[in-house]
Every structure is written in C-alpha cells, then in structure tokens.
Protein backbone atom coordinates (compact mmCIF):
# COMPACT_ATOMS: atom_id res chain seq x y z
CA MET A 1 0.00 0.00 0.00
CA ASP A 2 2.85 2.36 0.84
CA VAL A 3 4.48 1.74 -2.53
CA ILE A 4 1.26 2.47 -4.43
CA LEU A 5 0.69 5.74 -2.55
CA SER A 6 4.31 6.76 -3.10
CA ILE A 7 4.01 6.10 -6.84
CA LEU A 8 0.78 8.13 -6.98
CA ILE A 9 2.45 11.04 -5.16
CA ILE A 10 5.38 11.00 -7.58
CA LEU A 11 3.09 10.76 -10.63
CA ALA A 12 0.88 13.62 -9.41
CA SER A 13 3.96 15.73 -8.65
CA VAL A 14 5.39 15.27 -12.14
CA LEU A 15 2.03 16.10 -13.71
CA LEU A 16 1.73 19.19 -11.51
CA ILE A 17 5.17 20.36 -12.63
CA LEU A 18 4.15 19.95 -16.27
CA VAL A 19 0.88 21.81 -15.75
CA VAL A 20 2.66 24.68 -14.01
CA PHE A 21 5.19 24.90 -16.85
CA VAL A 22 2.33 25.22 -19.35
CA GLN A 23 0.95 28.21 -17.46
CA ASN A 24 2.29 31.70 -17.97
CA PRO A 25 2.18 34.07 -15.00
CA LYS A 26 1.44 37.03 -17.29
CA GLY A 27 -1.85 35.57 -18.47
CA GLY A 28 -0.41 33.96 -21.60
CA GLY A 29 0.80 30.40 -21.61
CA LEU A 30 -0.91 27.66 -23.56
CA SER A 31 -4.11 29.61 -24.11
CA SER A 32 -2.33 32.53 -25.81
CA ASP A 33 -0.40 30.27 -28.19
CA PHE A 34 -3.50 29.45 -30.21
CA GLY A 35 -4.44 32.08 -32.78
CA ALA A 36 -7.67 30.34 -33.79
CA ALA A 37 -8.56 29.10 -30.35
CA GLN A 38 -12.23 28.75 -31.21
CA GLN A 39 -11.58 25.29 -32.65
CA LEU A 40 -10.12 24.09 -29.35
CA GLY A 41 -12.86 25.28 -27.04
CA GLY A 42 -11.67 28.85 -26.65
CA VAL A 43 -9.05 30.61 -24.60
CA LYS A 44 -11.21 30.81 -21.48
CA LYS A 45 -11.92 27.09 -21.41
CA THR A 46 -8.25 26.20 -21.85
CA THR A 47 -7.27 28.47 -18.97
CA ASP A 48 -10.05 27.07 -16.79
CA PHE A 49 -8.92 23.51 -17.52
CA ILE A 50 -5.30 24.26 -16.62
CA GLU A 51 -6.33 26.02 -13.43
CA LYS A 52 -8.62 23.15 -12.40
CA ALA A 53 -5.91 20.62 -13.20
CA THR A 54 -3.48 22.53 -10.97
CA TRP A 55 -5.87 22.56 -8.01
CA ILE A 56 -6.89 18.91 -8.49
CA LEU A 57 -3.28 17.70 -8.67
CA ALA A 58 -2.29 19.77 -5.63
CA ALA A 59 -5.23 18.36 -3.66
CA ALA A 60 -4.39 14.83 -4.79
CA ILE A 61 -0.81 15.19 -3.57
CA MET A 62 -2.07 16.44 -0.21
CA VAL A 63 -4.59 13.59 0.18
CA PHE A 64 -2.07 10.94 -0.89
CA SER A 65 0.56 12.33 1.49
CA ILE A 66 -1.82 12.34 4.45
CA SER A 67 -2.99 8.82 3.57
CA LEU A 68 0.59 7.60 3.38
CA THR A 69 1.38 9.15 6.75
CA VAL A 70 -1.68 7.61 8.41
CA THR A 71 -1.23 4.12 6.94
CA THR A 72 2.51 3.86 7.54
CA LYS A 73 3.31 2.06 10.76
CA PRO A 74 6.46 3.10 12.58
CA LYS A 75 9.16 0.46 12.82
CA VAL A 76 9.69 -0.50 16.45
CA GLU A 77 13.06 -1.88 17.39
CA LYS A 78 13.01 -4.66 19.90
CA GLN A 79 14.88 -3.79 23.06
CA VAL A 80 16.49 -6.56 25.04
CA VAL A 81 15.40 -6.28 28.66
CA PRO A 82 17.58 -8.25 31.07
CA THR A 83 15.74 -10.68 33.28
CA GLU A 84 16.16 -10.74 37.04
CA THR A 85 18.87 -13.41 36.90
CA GLU A 86 20.89 -11.65 34.22
CA GLN A 87 23.25 -8.85 35.14
CA PRO A 88 24.10 -6.02 32.76
CA ALA A 89 27.70 -5.90 31.55
CA GLY A 90 30.11 -3.81 33.58
CA THR A 91 28.65 -4.51 37.03
CA PRO A 92 30.92 -4.97 40.05
CA GLN A 93 30.14 -8.71 40.00
CA ASP A 94 31.90 -8.99 36.61
CA GLN A 95 35.05 -7.42 38.03
CA GLY A 96 35.56 -9.98 40.73
CA GLY A 97 33.28 -8.40 43.33
CA LYS A 98 35.38 -5.31 43.89
C-alpha cells in the first residue's frame, strides 16, 4: 500500500510540474499560443482547464501524502530487557566483586 501511494504522489507531482510549466504568469501560456482558439474550445476554457488541473493535482498530492502518513506504521526496534537473573555488563560482579 505504501508503494502504491508513493508512486501516486510522484506521478501527481510530475504532472503538476508539467501543468505549471504550461501556465504563464502574465496571463499567456498555452491559451495565448492558439491564434484560432475557437476550434479548441476557446481561450477561457483552456485556462479554466489548466487552473482546475493545478488545483486537483495539488489536492491529490495532499490527500495521498496524508494517507501515506496515516497508513505507515512506525518500525519499532526490539529492546532486550535483562531478566532478574541476568546482570548487565560492567557490574561490580563482573570485576571480581570489587
């Protein structure tokens, strides 16, 4: 399960990077590159799609990250606890009772 969530996070991150690269902060980007944009649904619809894709991918990364954190169990190292008859190393009994 952890591997699947990790792969989904990586995939969504790469897609988000690509979507952000398509955008232009000055209002241009992909939508301004089409002279006859009417055939492709118009400039407004292209910009809306890119903006929605950005928000959806960002939300997906957040949800996948939280899910991965919740489902991952911490690894607990076993600690050796000495029994009553065992003595820890370095006690005065090991040094001849001195």
